Amino acid sequence: MTLASCAGEAAEKIADDLSVVEVSVPAGNGGIVGEVTQQGCSLERASLEQILETFTILEGHAPTLETDLVPNYLRSESVMFDITAEGALVPAPDSGCI
């Protein structure tokens, strides 16, 4: 996930930090890899929740597709999470996120 922001370097730093822990592992794997994946999932979920809230406040409605967020709120779609038609955040298939 890459963030789009007028914050410039700050947004790039956050995106760089997130990319360090973005690990895609099939669900059910445990150990340290599973822990790293879940940390990445937690960070990405928190960021996406803030982005969804910001979108809703600024646009006056919740996004119904992840593509609604690109390019003004995200540079690209998340590989870890999807957005339902109701605007809920759900783990993407095979992302390893729960």
PDB file of N, CA and C in Angstrom:
ATOM      1  N   MET A   1       0.857  -1.163   0.000  1.00  0.00           N
ATOM      2  CA  MET A   1       0.000   0.000   0.000  1.00  0.00           C
ATOM      3  C   MET A   1       0.896   1.215   0.000  1.00  0.00           C
ATOM      4  N   THR A   2       0.585   2.166  -0.840  1.00  0.00           N
ATOM      5  CA  THR A   2       1.304   3.415  -0.851  1.00  0.00           C
ATOM      6  C   THR A   2       0.311   4.529  -0.607  1.00  0.00           C
ATOM      7  N   LEU A   3       0.626   5.387   0.339  1.00  0.00           N
ATOM      8  CA  LEU A   3      -0.274   6.462   0.715  1.00  0.00           C
ATOM      9  C   LEU A   3      -0.103   7.670  -0.188  1.00  0.00           C
ATOM     10  N   ALA A   4      -1.185   8.343  -0.479  1.00  0.00           N
ATOM     11  CA  ALA A   4      -1.135   9.606  -1.192  1.00  0.00           C
ATOM     12  C   ALA A   4      -1.453  10.690  -0.184  1.00  0.00           C
ATOM     13  N   SER A   5      -0.625  11.709  -0.126  1.00  0.00           N
ATOM     14  CA  SER A   5      -0.850  12.735   0.880  1.00  0.00           C
ATOM     15  C   SER A   5      -0.162  14.017   0.476  1.00  0.00           C
ATOM     16  N   CYS A   6      -0.686  15.111   1.000  1.00  0.00           N
ATOM     17  CA  CYS A   6      -0.026  16.391   0.801  1.00  0.00           C
ATOM     18  C   CYS A   6       1.083  16.556   1.831  1.00  0.00           C
ATOM     19  N   ALA A   7       1.273  15.557   2.703  1.00  0.00           N
ATOM     20  CA  ALA A   7       2.290  15.623   3.742  1.00  0.00           C
ATOM     21  C   ALA A   7       3.686  15.317   3.199  1.00  0.00           C
ATOM     22  N   GLY A   8       3.773  14.890   1.955  1.00  0.00           N
ATOM     23  CA  GLY A   8       5.062  14.670   1.311  1.00  0.00           C
ATOM     24  C   GLY A   8       5.903  13.610   1.983  1.00  0.00           C
ATOM     25  N   GLU A   9       7.044  14.034   2.528  1.00  0.00           N
ATOM     26  CA  GLU A   9       7.995  13.096   3.109  1.00  0.00           C
ATOM     27  C   GLU A   9       7.390  12.271   4.236  1.00  0.00           C
ATOM     28  N   ALA A  10       6.528  12.864   5.042  1.00  0.00           N
ATOM     29  CA  ALA A  10       5.919  12.125   6.153  1.00  0.00           C
ATOM     30  C   ALA A  10       5.118  10.940   5.628  1.00  0.00           C
ATOM     31  N   ALA A  11       4.350  11.152   4.571  1.00  0.00           N
ATOM     32  CA  ALA A  11       3.566  10.061   3.991  1.00  0.00           C
ATOM     33  C   ALA A  11       4.486   9.004   3.396  1.00  0.00           C
ATOM     34  N   GLU A  12       5.551   9.421   2.748  1.00  0.00           N
ATOM     35  CA  GLU A  12       6.498   8.466   2.178  1.00  0.00           C
ATOM     36  C   GLU A  12       7.153   7.643   3.283  1.00  0.00           C
ATOM     37  N   LYS A  13       7.487   8.273   4.414  1.00  0.00           N
ATOM     38  CA  LYS A  13       8.092   7.561   5.541  1.00  0.00           C
ATOM     39  C   LYS A  13       7.138   6.506   6.068  1.00  0.00           C
ATOM     40  N   ILE A  14       5.863   6.856   6.235  1.00  0.00           N
ATOM     41  CA  ILE A  14       4.866   5.898   6.707  1.00  0.00           C
ATOM     42  C   ILE A  14       4.759   4.745   5.721  1.00  0.00           C
ATOM     43  N   ALA A  15       4.698   5.068   4.435  1.00  0.00           N
ATOM     44  CA  ALA A  15       4.594   4.023   3.414  1.00  0.00           C
ATOM     45  C   ALA A  15       5.819   3.112   3.456  1.00  0.00           C
ATOM     46  N   ASP A  16       7.011   3.697   3.632  1.00  0.00           N
ATOM     47  CA  ASP A  16       8.225   2.890   3.718  1.00  0.00           C
ATOM     48  C   ASP A  16       8.184   1.983   4.941  1.00  0.00           C
ATOM     49  N   ASP A  17       7.738   2.523   6.083  1.00  0.00           N
ATOM     50  CA  ASP A  17       7.635   1.718   7.299  1.00  0.00           C
ATOM     51  C   ASP A  17       6.667   0.563   7.102  1.00  0.00           C
ATOM     52  N   LEU A  18       5.535   0.820   6.450  1.00  0.00           N
ATOM     53  CA  LEU A  18       4.548  -0.223   6.215  1.00  0.00           C
ATOM     54  C   LEU A  18       5.091  -1.297   5.290  1.00  0.00           C
ATOM     55  N   SER A  19       5.850  -0.891   4.269  1.00  0.00           N
ATOM     56  CA  SER A  19       6.325  -1.874   3.308  1.00  0.00           C
ATOM     57  C   SER A  19       7.333  -2.833   3.927  1.00  0.00           C
ATOM     58  N   VAL A  20       7.978  -2.430   5.006  1.00  0.00           N
ATOM     59  CA  VAL A  20       8.928  -3.302   5.681  1.00  0.00           C
ATOM     60  C   VAL A  20       8.220  -4.511   6.266  1.00  0.00           C
ATOM     61  N   VAL A  21       6.980  -4.333   6.733  1.00  0.00           N
ATOM     62  CA  VAL A  21       6.277  -5.429   7.385  1.00  0.00           C
ATOM     63  C   VAL A  21       5.181  -6.030   6.521  1.00  0.00           C
ATOM     64  N   GLU A  22       5.031  -5.574   5.286  1.00  0.00           N
ATOM     65  CA  GLU A  22       4.027  -6.162   4.401  1.00  0.00           C
ATOM     66  C   GLU A  22       4.530  -7.501   3.902  1.00  0.00           C
ATOM     67  N   VAL A  23       4.030  -8.557   4.496  1.00  0.00           N
ATOM     68  CA  VAL A  23       4.416  -9.914   4.136  1.00  0.00           C
ATOM     69  C   VAL A  23       3.143 -10.680   3.831  1.00  0.00           C
ATOM     70  N   SER A  24       3.095 -11.319   2.689  1.00  0.00           N
ATOM     71  CA  SER A  24       1.913 -12.100   2.333  1.00  0.00           C
ATOM     72  C   SER A  24       2.200 -13.573   2.560  1.00  0.00           C
ATOM     73  N   VAL A  25       1.485 -14.154   3.515  1.00  0.00           N
ATOM     74  CA  VAL A  25       1.665 -15.553   3.870  1.00  0.00           C
ATOM     75  C   VAL A  25       0.295 -16.199   3.928  1.00  0.00           C
ATOM     76  N   PRO A  26       0.130 -17.387   3.355  1.00  0.00           N
ATOM     77  CA  PRO A  26      -1.170 -18.049   3.446  1.00  0.00           C
ATOM     78  C   PRO A  26      -1.610 -18.200   4.898  1.00  0.00           C
ATOM     79  N   ALA A  27      -2.904 -18.052   5.135  1.00  0.00           N
ATOM     80  CA  ALA A  27      -3.449 -18.187   6.481  1.00  0.00           C
ATOM     81  C   ALA A  27      -3.101 -19.554   7.048  1.00  0.00           C
ATOM     82  N   GLY A  28      -2.848 -19.596   8.337  1.00  0.00           N
ATOM     83  CA  GLY A  28      -2.541 -20.859   8.982  1.00  0.00           C
ATOM     84  C   GLY A  28      -1.062 -21.031   9.280  1.00  0.00           C
ATOM     85  N   ASN A  29      -0.192 -20.250   8.638  1.00  0.00           N
ATOM     86  CA  ASN A  29       1.227 -20.326   8.956  1.00  0.00           C
ATOM     87  C   ASN A  29       1.454 -19.620  10.277  1.00  0.00           C
ATOM     88  N   GLY A  30       2.286 -20.182  11.104  1.00  0.00           N
ATOM     89  CA  GLY A  30       2.523 -19.591  12.411  1.00  0.00           C
ATOM     90  C   GLY A  30       3.949 -19.131  12.552  1.00  0.00           C
ATOM     91  N   GLY A  31       4.416 -19.119  13.787  1.00  0.00           N
ATOM     92  CA  GLY A  31       5.782 -18.730  14.064  1.00  0.00           C
ATOM     93  C   GLY A  31       6.026 -17.261  13.812  1.00  0.00           C
ATOM     94  N   ILE A  32       7.293 -16.928  13.672  1.00  0.00           N
ATOM     95  CA  ILE A  32       7.692 -15.526  13.522  1.00  0.00           C
ATOM     96  C   ILE A  32       7.136 -14.917  12.246  1.00  0.00           C
ATOM     97  N   VAL A  33       7.063 -15.699  11.176  1.00  0.00           N
ATOM     98  CA  VAL A  33       6.520 -15.170   9.921  1.00  0.00           C
ATOM     99  C   VAL A  33       5.063 -14.768  10.113  1.00  0.00           C
ATOM    100  N   GLY A  34       4.300 -15.603  10.790  1.00  0.00           N
ATOM    101  CA  GLY A  34       2.909 -15.280  11.069  1.00  0.00           C
ATOM    102  C   GLY A  34       2.772 -14.034  11.917  1.00  0.00           C
ATOM    103  N   GLU A  35       3.678 -13.853  12.898  1.00  0.00           N
ATOM    104  CA  GLU A  35       3.646 -12.668  13.751  1.00  0.00           C
ATOM    105  C   GLU A  35       3.950 -11.414  12.945  1.00  0.00           C
ATOM    106  N   VAL A  36       4.959 -11.486  12.073  1.00  0.00           N
ATOM    107  CA  VAL A  36       5.309 -10.340  11.236  1.00  0.00           C
ATOM    108  C   VAL A  36       4.149  -9.993  10.319  1.00  0.00           C
ATOM    109  N   THR A  37       3.519 -11.014   9.737  1.00  0.00           N
ATOM    110  CA  THR A  37       2.377 -10.778   8.862  1.00  0.00           C
ATOM    111  C   THR A  37       1.267 -10.069   9.614  1.00  0.00           C
ATOM    112  N   GLN A  38       0.954 -10.529  10.805  1.00  0.00           N
ATOM    113  CA  GLN A  38      -0.132  -9.913  11.563  1.00  0.00           C
ATOM    114  C   GLN A  38       0.222  -8.498  12.002  1.00  0.00           C
ATOM    115  N   GLN A  39       1.492  -8.210  12.267  1.00  0.00           N
ATOM    116  CA  GLN A  39       1.895  -6.841  12.586  1.00  0.00           C
ATOM    117  C   GLN A  39       1.685  -5.949  11.367  1.00  0.00           C
ATOM    118  N   GLY A  40       2.068  -6.447  10.200  1.00  0.00           N
ATOM    119  CA  GLY A  40       1.849  -5.695   8.963  1.00  0.00           C
ATOM    120  C   GLY A  40       0.369  -5.487   8.710  1.00  0.00           C
ATOM    121  N   CYS A  41      -0.416  -6.532   8.954  1.00  0.00           N
ATOM    122  CA  CYS A  41      -1.869  -6.437   8.782  1.00  0.00           C
ATOM    123  C   CYS A  41      -2.450  -5.397   9.731  1.00  0.00           C
ATOM    124  N   SER A  42      -1.995  -5.406  10.977  1.00  0.00           N
ATOM    125  CA  SER A  42      -2.499  -4.447  11.964  1.00  0.00           C
ATOM    126  C   SER A  42      -2.173  -3.015  11.563  1.00  0.00           C
ATOM    127  N   LEU A  43      -0.946  -2.787  11.102  1.00  0.00           N
ATOM    128  CA  LEU A  43      -0.559  -1.448  10.661  1.00  0.00           C
ATOM    129  C   LEU A  43      -1.372  -1.008   9.451  1.00  0.00           C
ATOM    130  N   GLU A  44      -1.528  -1.905   8.501  1.00  0.00           N
ATOM    131  CA  GLU A  44      -2.274  -1.556   7.295  1.00  0.00           C
ATOM    132  C   GLU A  44      -3.744  -1.314   7.621  1.00  0.00           C
ATOM    133  N   ARG A  45      -4.327  -2.160   8.480  1.00  0.00           N
ATOM    134  CA  ARG A  45      -5.730  -1.973   8.876  1.00  0.00           C
ATOM    135  C   ARG A  45      -5.915  -0.602   9.535  1.00  0.00           C
ATOM    136  N   ALA A  46      -5.023  -0.242  10.461  1.00  0.00           N
ATOM    137  CA  ALA A  46      -5.131   1.048  11.150  1.00  0.00           C
ATOM    138  C   ALA A  46      -5.043   2.205  10.156  1.00  0.00           C
ATOM    139  N   SER A  47      -4.117   2.120   9.218  1.00  0.00           N
ATOM    140  CA  SER A  47      -3.980   3.175   8.207  1.00  0.00           C
ATOM    141  C   SER A  47      -5.221   3.264   7.332  1.00  0.00           C
ATOM    142  N   LEU A  48      -5.709   2.114   6.887  1.00  0.00           N
ATOM    143  CA  LEU A  48      -6.894   2.106   6.029  1.00  0.00           C
ATOM    144  C   LEU A  48      -8.132   2.604   6.769  1.00  0.00           C
ATOM    145  N   GLU A  49      -8.257   2.277   8.051  1.00  0.00           N
ATOM    146  CA  GLU A  49      -9.396   2.778   8.827  1.00  0.00           C
ATOM    147  C   GLU A  49      -9.376   4.302   8.893  1.00  0.00           C
ATOM    148  N   GLN A  50      -8.186   4.889   9.076  1.00  0.00           N
ATOM    149  CA  GLN A  50      -8.066   6.351   9.089  1.00  0.00           C
ATOM    150  C   GLN A  50      -8.405   6.933   7.719  1.00  0.00           C
ATOM    151  N   ILE A  51      -7.947   6.269   6.671  1.00  0.00           N
ATOM    152  CA  ILE A  51      -8.228   6.736   5.314  1.00  0.00           C
ATOM    153  C   ILE A  51      -9.721   6.655   5.020  1.00  0.00           C
ATOM    154  N   LEU A  52     -10.377   5.569   5.440  1.00  0.00           N
ATOM    155  CA  LEU A  52     -11.826   5.438   5.235  1.00  0.00           C
ATOM    156  C   LEU A  52     -12.579   6.537   5.971  1.00  0.00           C
ATOM    157  N   GLU A  53     -12.153   6.832   7.193  1.00  0.00           N
ATOM    158  CA  GLU A  53     -12.793   7.894   7.974  1.00  0.00           C
ATOM    159  C   GLU A  53     -12.592   9.252   7.305  1.00  0.00           C
ATOM    160  N   THR A  54     -11.383   9.514   6.843  1.00  0.00           N
ATOM    161  CA  THR A  54     -11.092  10.775   6.162  1.00  0.00           C
ATOM    162  C   THR A  54     -11.918  10.907   4.894  1.00  0.00           C
ATOM    163  N   PHE A  55     -11.966   9.850   4.094  1.00  0.00           N
ATOM    164  CA  PHE A  55     -12.758   9.855   2.863  1.00  0.00           C
ATOM    165  C   PHE A  55     -14.214  10.178   3.184  1.00  0.00           C
ATOM    166  N   THR A  56     -14.769   9.501   4.185  1.00  0.00           N
ATOM    167  CA  THR A  56     -16.177   9.680   4.546  1.00  0.00           C
ATOM    168  C   THR A  56     -16.457  11.113   4.980  1.00  0.00           C
ATOM    169  N   ILE A  57     -15.559  11.690   5.758  1.00  0.00           N
ATOM    170  CA  ILE A  57     -15.735  13.075   6.210  1.00  0.00           C
ATOM    171  C   ILE A  57     -15.656  14.039   5.032  1.00  0.00           C
ATOM    172  N   LEU A  58     -14.650  13.875   4.193  1.00  0.00           N
ATOM    173  CA  LEU A  58     -14.434  14.828   3.098  1.00  0.00           C
ATOM    174  C   LEU A  58     -15.398  14.650   1.932  1.00  0.00           C
ATOM    175  N   GLU A  59     -15.783  13.415   1.652  1.00  0.00           N
ATOM    176  CA  GLU A  59     -16.645  13.147   0.496  1.00  0.00           C
ATOM    177  C   GLU A  59     -18.129  13.084   0.862  1.00  0.00           C
ATOM    178  N   GLY A  60     -18.439  12.958   2.152  1.00  0.00           N
ATOM    179  CA  GLY A  60     -19.829  12.929   2.583  1.00  0.00           C
ATOM    180  C   GLY A  60     -20.490  11.562   2.516  1.00  0.00           C
ATOM    181  N   HIS A  61     -19.728  10.534   2.171  1.00  0.00           N
ATOM    182  CA  HIS A  61     -20.236   9.160   2.114  1.00  0.00           C
ATOM    183  C   HIS A  61     -19.056   8.201   2.195  1.00  0.00           C
ATOM    184  N   ALA A  62     -19.344   6.987   2.628  1.00  0.00           N
ATOM    185  CA  ALA A  62     -18.295   5.967   2.706  1.00  0.00           C
ATOM    186  C   ALA A  62     -17.970   5.451   1.305  1.00  0.00           C
ATOM    187  N   PRO A  63     -16.722   5.064   1.064  1.00  0.00           N
ATOM    188  CA  PRO A  63     -16.392   4.467  -0.231  1.00  0.00           C
ATOM    189  C   PRO A  63     -17.069   3.107  -0.372  1.00  0.00           C
ATOM    190  N   THR A  64     -17.476   2.777  -1.574  1.00  0.00           N
ATOM    191  CA  THR A  64     -18.096   1.471  -1.817  1.00  0.00           C
ATOM    192  C   THR A  64     -17.156   0.529  -2.565  1.00  0.00           C
ATOM    193  N   LEU A  65     -16.070   1.068  -3.067  1.00  0.00           N
ATOM    194  CA  LEU A  65     -15.038   0.283  -3.746  1.00  0.00           C
ATOM    195  C   LEU A  65     -13.678   0.806  -3.324  1.00  0.00           C
ATOM    196  N   GLU A  66     -12.715  -0.060  -3.296  1.00  0.00           N
ATOM    197  CA  GLU A  66     -11.362   0.371  -2.966  1.00  0.00           C
ATOM    198  C   GLU A  66     -10.831   1.358  -4.003  1.00  0.00           C
ATOM    199  N   THR A  67     -11.274   1.212  -5.238  1.00  0.00           N
ATOM    200  CA  THR A  67     -10.829   2.125  -6.292  1.00  0.00           C
ATOM    201  C   THR A  67     -11.322   3.553  -6.059  1.00  0.00           C
ATOM    202  N   ASP A  68     -12.353   3.740  -5.212  1.00  0.00           N
ATOM    203  CA  ASP A  68     -12.797   5.092  -4.856  1.00  0.00           C
ATOM    204  C   ASP A  68     -11.690   5.869  -4.149  1.00  0.00           C
ATOM    205  N   LEU A  69     -10.769   5.158  -3.534  1.00  0.00           N
ATOM    206  CA  LEU A  69      -9.698   5.787  -2.754  1.00  0.00           C
ATOM    207  C   LEU A  69      -8.478   6.146  -3.594  1.00  0.00           C
ATOM    208  N   VAL A  70      -8.378   5.558  -4.781  1.00  0.00           N
ATOM    209  CA  VAL A  70      -7.220   5.760  -5.654  1.00  0.00           C
ATOM    210  C   VAL A  70      -7.562   6.820  -6.689  1.00  0.00           C
ATOM    211  N   PRO A  71      -6.770   7.821  -6.954  1.00  0.00           N
ATOM    212  CA  PRO A  71      -5.444   8.119  -6.432  1.00  0.00           C
ATOM    213  C   PRO A  71      -5.436   9.172  -5.329  1.00  0.00           C
ATOM    214  N   ASN A  72      -6.585   9.721  -4.946  1.00  0.00           N
ATOM    215  CA  ASN A  72      -6.583  10.841  -4.003  1.00  0.00           C
ATOM    216  C   ASN A  72      -6.263  10.464  -2.565  1.00  0.00           C
ATOM    217  N   TYR A  73      -6.570   9.248  -2.169  1.00  0.00           N
ATOM    218  CA  TYR A  73      -6.336   8.822  -0.793  1.00  0.00           C
ATOM    219  C   TYR A  73      -5.299   7.714  -0.700  1.00  0.00           C
ATOM    220  N   LEU A  74      -5.194   6.899  -1.732  1.00  0.00           N
ATOM    221  CA  LEU A  74      -4.184   5.843  -1.848  1.00  0.00           C
ATOM    222  C   LEU A  74      -3.573   5.919  -3.241  1.00  0.00           C
ATOM    223  N   ARG A  75      -2.310   5.598  -3.350  1.00  0.00           N
ATOM    224  CA  ARG A  75      -1.689   5.544  -4.679  1.00  0.00           C
ATOM    225  C   ARG A  75      -2.056   4.260  -5.398  1.00  0.00           C
ATOM    226  N   SER A  76      -2.258   3.197  -4.633  1.00  0.00           N
ATOM    227  CA  SER A  76      -2.648   1.915  -5.220  1.00  0.00           C
ATOM    228  C   SER A  76      -3.508   1.154  -4.215  1.00  0.00           C
ATOM    229  N   GLU A  77      -4.240   0.169  -4.711  1.00  0.00           N
ATOM    230  CA  GLU A  77      -5.100  -0.624  -3.849  1.00  0.00           C
ATOM    231  C   GLU A  77      -4.266  -1.487  -2.905  1.00  0.00           C
ATOM    232  N   SER A  78      -4.818  -1.774  -1.755  1.00  0.00           N
ATOM    233  CA  SER A  78      -4.169  -2.632  -0.769  1.00  0.00           C
ATOM    234  C   SER A  78      -4.229  -4.085  -1.230  1.00  0.00           C
ATOM    235  N   VAL A  79      -3.143  -4.815  -1.012  1.00  0.00           N
ATOM    236  CA  VAL A  79      -3.152  -6.251  -1.293  1.00  0.00           C
ATOM    237  C   VAL A  79      -3.557  -7.037  -0.052  1.00  0.00           C
ATOM    238  N   MET A  80      -3.654  -6.354   1.086  1.00  0.00           N
ATOM    239  CA  MET A  80      -3.980  -7.023   2.340  1.00  0.00           C
ATOM    240  C   MET A  80      -5.452  -6.936   2.715  1.00  0.00           C
ATOM    241  N   PHE A  81      -6.142  -5.890   2.255  1.00  0.00           N
ATOM    242  CA  PHE A  81      -7.537  -5.686   2.629  1.00  0.00           C
ATOM    243  C   PHE A  81      -8.366  -5.253   1.434  1.00  0.00           C
ATOM    244  N   ASP A  82      -9.659  -5.568   1.506  1.00  0.00           N
ATOM    245  CA  ASP A  82     -10.642  -5.131   0.519  1.00  0.00           C
ATOM    246  C   ASP A  82     -11.717  -4.332   1.245  1.00  0.00           C
ATOM    247  N   ILE A  83     -12.495  -3.575   0.480  1.00  0.00           N
ATOM    248  CA  ILE A  83     -13.623  -2.825   1.024  1.00  0.00           C
ATOM    249  C   ILE A  83     -14.897  -3.420   0.434  1.00  0.00           C
ATOM    250  N   THR A  84     -15.850  -3.729   1.310  1.00  0.00           N
ATOM    251  CA  THR A  84     -17.124  -4.283   0.847  1.00  0.00           C
ATOM    252  C   THR A  84     -17.998  -3.166   0.293  1.00  0.00           C
ATOM    253  N   ALA A  85     -19.101  -3.538  -0.358  1.00  0.00           N
ATOM    254  CA  ALA A  85     -20.038  -2.554  -0.908  1.00  0.00           C
ATOM    255  C   ALA A  85     -20.630  -1.673   0.185  1.00  0.00           C
ATOM    256  N   GLU A  86     -20.627  -2.167   1.425  1.00  0.00           N
ATOM    257  CA  GLU A  86     -21.134  -1.389   2.553  1.00  0.00           C
ATOM    258  C   GLU A  86     -20.059  -0.497   3.165  1.00  0.00           C
ATOM    259  N   GLY A  87     -18.843  -0.559   2.639  1.00  0.00           N
ATOM    260  CA  GLY A  87     -17.748   0.263   3.142  1.00  0.00           C
ATOM    261  C   GLY A  87     -16.961  -0.372   4.276  1.00  0.00           C
ATOM    262  N   ALA A  88     -17.188  -1.653   4.542  1.00  0.00           N
ATOM    263  CA  ALA A  88     -16.459  -2.350   5.611  1.00  0.00           C
ATOM    264  C   ALA A  88     -15.108  -2.841   5.104  1.00  0.00           C
ATOM    265  N   LEU A  89     -14.138  -2.847   5.988  1.00  0.00           N
ATOM    266  CA  LEU A  89     -12.794  -3.311   5.681  1.00  0.00           C
ATOM    267  C   LEU A  89     -12.699  -4.796   6.021  1.00  0.00           C
ATOM    268  N   VAL A  90     -12.311  -5.621   5.033  1.00  0.00           N
ATOM    269  CA  VAL A  90     -12.199  -7.068   5.243  1.00  0.00           C
ATOM    270  C   VAL A  90     -10.861  -7.556   4.688  1.00  0.00           C
ATOM    271  N   PRO A  91     -10.282  -8.601   5.299  1.00  0.00           N
ATOM    272  CA  PRO A  91      -9.026  -9.143   4.779  1.00  0.00           C
ATOM    273  C   PRO A  91      -9.190  -9.631   3.337  1.00  0.00           C
ATOM    274  N   ALA A  92      -8.199  -9.342   2.512  1.00  0.00           N
ATOM    275  CA  ALA A  92      -8.207  -9.828   1.132  1.00  0.00           C
ATOM    276  C   ALA A  92      -7.949 -11.334   1.138  1.00  0.00           C
ATOM    277  N   PRO A  93      -8.507 -12.048   0.170  1.00  0.00           N
ATOM    278  CA  PRO A  93      -8.256 -13.491   0.081  1.00  0.00           C
ATOM    279  C   PRO A  93      -6.755 -13.778  -0.018  1.00  0.00           C
ATOM    280  N   ASP A  94      -6.301 -14.780   0.700  1.00  0.00           N
ATOM    281  CA  ASP A  94      -4.903 -15.229   0.683  1.00  0.00           C
ATOM    282  C   ASP A  94      -3.907 -14.189   1.183  1.00  0.00           C
ATOM    283  N   SER A  95      -4.378 -13.161   1.904  1.00  0.00           N
ATOM    284  CA  SER A  95      -3.460 -12.139   2.406  1.00  0.00           C
ATOM    285  C   SER A  95      -2.775 -12.562   3.692  1.00  0.00           C
ATOM    286  N   GLY A  96      -3.342 -13.532   4.391  1.00  0.00           N
ATOM    287  CA  GLY A  96      -2.798 -13.926   5.685  1.00  0.00           C
ATOM    288  C   GLY A  96      -3.326 -13.081   6.826  1.00  0.00           C
ATOM    289  N   CYS A  97      -4.074 -12.033   6.508  1.00  0.00           N
ATOM    290  CA  CYS A  97      -4.648 -11.165   7.540  1.00  0.00           C
ATOM    291  C   CYS A  97      -5.925 -11.789   8.088  1.00  0.00           C
ATOM    292  N   ILE A  98      -6.193 -11.484   9.356  1.00  0.00           N
ATOM    293  CA  ILE A  98      -7.424 -11.988   9.978  1.00  0.00           C
ATOM    294  C   ILE A  98      -8.265 -10.835  10.485  1.00  0.00           C
TER     295      ILE A  98
END
